[in-house]
Amino acid sequence: MKRKSGYPLWLRCWHWGNAMLFVILLITGISMHYSEPGAPPFGFRADVLIHNASGILLTLFYGCSCSEISSSGMAATTRLWPAISNRD
């Protein structure tokens, strides 16, 4: 039997993209914080570059999601998360 998800593909990709970028930010941040000269796995400059790029992408993902929700209104949000609209 085929299992059907209640969420659209774009929303699942957005969620997993956010999770992946958050983990990358966490790992590179810890790596930079506890680095000794020459010790980080990718080198300090590479860690900074990866960390900054991940932060920018995460900010863009957030901005895209806010614009999607604001342009489609609350009706689209309640269609995506029916439990929100069924609360009494």
C-alpha atoms as a PDB file:
ATOM      1  CA  MET A   1       0.000   0.000   0.000  1.00  0.00           C
ATOM      2  CA  LYS A   2       1.357   3.399  -0.973  1.00  0.00           C
ATOM      3  CA  ARG A   3       1.823   5.836   1.881  1.00  0.00           C
ATOM      4  CA  LYS A   4       0.674   9.389   1.183  1.00  0.00           C
ATOM      5  CA  SER A   5       2.085  12.399   2.995  1.00  0.00           C
ATOM      6  CA  GLY A   6      -0.275  15.170   3.988  1.00  0.00           C
ATOM      7  CA  TYR A   7       2.253  17.858   3.096  1.00  0.00           C
ATOM      8  CA  PRO A   8       3.267  19.069  -0.381  1.00  0.00           C
ATOM      9  CA  LEU A   9       6.706  18.229  -1.753  1.00  0.00           C
ATOM     10  CA  TRP A  10       7.909  21.859  -1.678  1.00  0.00           C
ATOM     11  CA  LEU A  11       7.129  22.093   2.034  1.00  0.00           C
ATOM     12  CA  ARG A  12       8.982  18.868   2.850  1.00  0.00           C
ATOM     13  CA  CYS A  13      12.019  19.991   0.797  1.00  0.00           C
ATOM     14  CA  TRP A  14      11.945  23.384   2.519  1.00  0.00           C
ATOM     15  CA  HIS A  15      11.856  21.733   5.940  1.00  0.00           C
ATOM     16  CA  TRP A  16      14.709  19.320   5.221  1.00  0.00           C
ATOM     17  CA  GLY A  17      16.737  22.130   3.638  1.00  0.00           C
ATOM     18  CA  ASN A  18      16.322  24.192   6.807  1.00  0.00           C
ATOM     19  CA  ALA A  19      17.320  21.230   8.971  1.00  0.00           C
ATOM     20  CA  MET A  20      20.406  20.505   6.859  1.00  0.00           C
ATOM     21  CA  LEU A  21      21.536  24.149   6.860  1.00  0.00           C
ATOM     22  CA  PHE A  22      21.002  24.396  10.621  1.00  0.00           C
ATOM     23  CA  VAL A  23      23.197  21.337  11.214  1.00  0.00           C
ATOM     24  CA  ILE A  24      25.891  22.743   8.899  1.00  0.00           C
ATOM     25  CA  LEU A  25      25.786  26.055  10.816  1.00  0.00           C
ATOM     26  CA  LEU A  26      26.094  24.163  14.099  1.00  0.00           C
ATOM     27  CA  ILE A  27      29.031  22.005  12.982  1.00  0.00           C
ATOM     28  CA  THR A  28      30.997  24.831  11.353  1.00  0.00           C
ATOM     29  CA  GLY A  29      30.290  27.171  14.287  1.00  0.00           C
ATOM     30  CA  ILE A  30      31.586  24.636  16.797  1.00  0.00           C
ATOM     31  CA  SER A  31      34.555  23.891  14.549  1.00  0.00           C
ATOM     32  CA  MET A  32      35.471  27.586  14.363  1.00  0.00           C
ATOM     33  CA  HIS A  33      34.914  28.189  18.065  1.00  0.00           C
ATOM     34  CA  TYR A  34      37.120  25.336  19.244  1.00  0.00           C
ATOM     35  CA  SER A  35      39.705  25.528  16.488  1.00  0.00           C
ATOM     36  CA  GLU A  36      43.398  25.589  17.103  1.00  0.00           C
ATOM     37  CA  PRO A  37      45.755  26.921  14.458  1.00  0.00           C
ATOM     38  CA  GLY A  38      45.708  24.447  11.576  1.00  0.00           C
ATOM     39  CA  ALA A  39      43.366  21.987  13.331  1.00  0.00           C
ATOM     40  CA  PRO A  40      39.867  22.415  11.790  1.00  0.00           C
ATOM     41  CA  PRO A  41      38.867  19.655   9.372  1.00  0.00           C
ATOM     42  CA  PHE A  42      38.469  21.972   6.378  1.00  0.00           C
ATOM     43  CA  GLY A  43      40.605  24.848   7.549  1.00  0.00           C
ATOM     44  CA  PHE A  44      39.367  27.980   9.237  1.00  0.00           C
ATOM     45  CA  ARG A  45      38.754  29.972   6.046  1.00  0.00           C
ATOM     46  CA  ALA A  46      36.716  27.170   4.501  1.00  0.00           C
ATOM     47  CA  ASP A  47      34.687  26.850   7.709  1.00  0.00           C
ATOM     48  CA  VAL A  48      33.934  30.581   7.654  1.00  0.00           C
ATOM     49  CA  LEU A  49      32.943  30.447   3.980  1.00  0.00           C
ATOM     50  CA  ILE A  50      30.660  27.410   4.483  1.00  0.00           C
ATOM     51  CA  HIS A  51      29.188  28.935   7.649  1.00  0.00           C
ATOM     52  CA  ASN A  52      28.431  32.280   5.993  1.00  0.00           C
ATOM     53  CA  ALA A  53      26.966  30.680   2.848  1.00  0.00           C
ATOM     54  CA  SER A  54      24.728  28.422   4.967  1.00  0.00           C
ATOM     55  CA  GLY A  55      23.558  31.384   7.021  1.00  0.00           C
ATOM     56  CA  ILE A  56      22.687  33.369   3.905  1.00  0.00           C
ATOM     57  CA  LEU A  57      20.804  30.415   2.380  1.00  0.00           C
ATOM     58  CA  LEU A  58      18.900  29.816   5.613  1.00  0.00           C
ATOM     59  CA  THR A  59      17.920  33.495   5.710  1.00  0.00           C
ATOM     60  CA  LEU A  60      16.735  33.319   2.085  1.00  0.00           C
ATOM     61  CA  PHE A  61      14.711  30.156   2.839  1.00  0.00           C
ATOM     62  CA  TYR A  62      13.081  31.963   5.753  1.00  0.00           C
ATOM     63  CA  GLY A  63      12.319  35.020   3.624  1.00  0.00           C
ATOM     64  CA  CYS A  64      10.784  32.870   0.886  1.00  0.00           C
ATOM     65  CA  SER A  65       8.576  31.057   3.375  1.00  0.00           C
ATOM     66  CA  CYS A  66       7.390  34.314   4.943  1.00  0.00           C
ATOM     67  CA  SER A  67       6.544  35.770   1.552  1.00  0.00           C
ATOM     68  CA  GLU A  68       4.714  32.566   0.545  1.00  0.00           C
ATOM     69  CA  ILE A  69       2.586  32.606   3.679  1.00  0.00           C
ATOM     70  CA  SER A  70       1.868  36.342   3.500  1.00  0.00           C
ATOM     71  CA  SER A  71       0.966  36.281  -0.208  1.00  0.00           C
ATOM     72  CA  SER A  72      -1.321  33.268   0.075  1.00  0.00           C
ATOM     73  CA  GLY A  73      -2.865  34.363   3.360  1.00  0.00           C
ATOM     74  CA  MET A  74      -3.899  32.333   6.353  1.00  0.00           C
ATOM     75  CA  ALA A  75      -6.277  30.191   4.263  1.00  0.00           C
ATOM     76  CA  ALA A  76      -3.333  28.397   2.643  1.00  0.00           C
ATOM     77  CA  THR A  77      -1.730  27.834   6.025  1.00  0.00           C
ATOM     78  CA  THR A  78      -4.850  26.203   7.411  1.00  0.00           C
ATOM     79  CA  ARG A  79      -5.039  23.981   4.321  1.00  0.00           C
ATOM     80  CA  LEU A  80      -1.474  22.816   4.944  1.00  0.00           C
ATOM     81  CA  TRP A  81      -1.952  22.311   8.673  1.00  0.00           C
ATOM     82  CA  PRO A  82      -5.603  21.349   9.212  1.00  0.00           C
ATOM     83  CA  ALA A  83      -5.002  20.812  12.936  1.00  0.00           C
ATOM     84  CA  ILE A  84      -4.501  24.561  13.341  1.00  0.00           C
ATOM     85  CA  SER A  85      -7.936  25.361  11.967  1.00  0.00           C
ATOM     86  CA  ASN A  86      -9.685  22.601  13.973  1.00  0.00           C
ATOM     87  CA  ARG A  87      -8.617  23.893  17.387  1.00  0.00           C
ATOM     88  CA  ASP A  88     -11.434  25.000  19.654  1.00  0.00           C
END
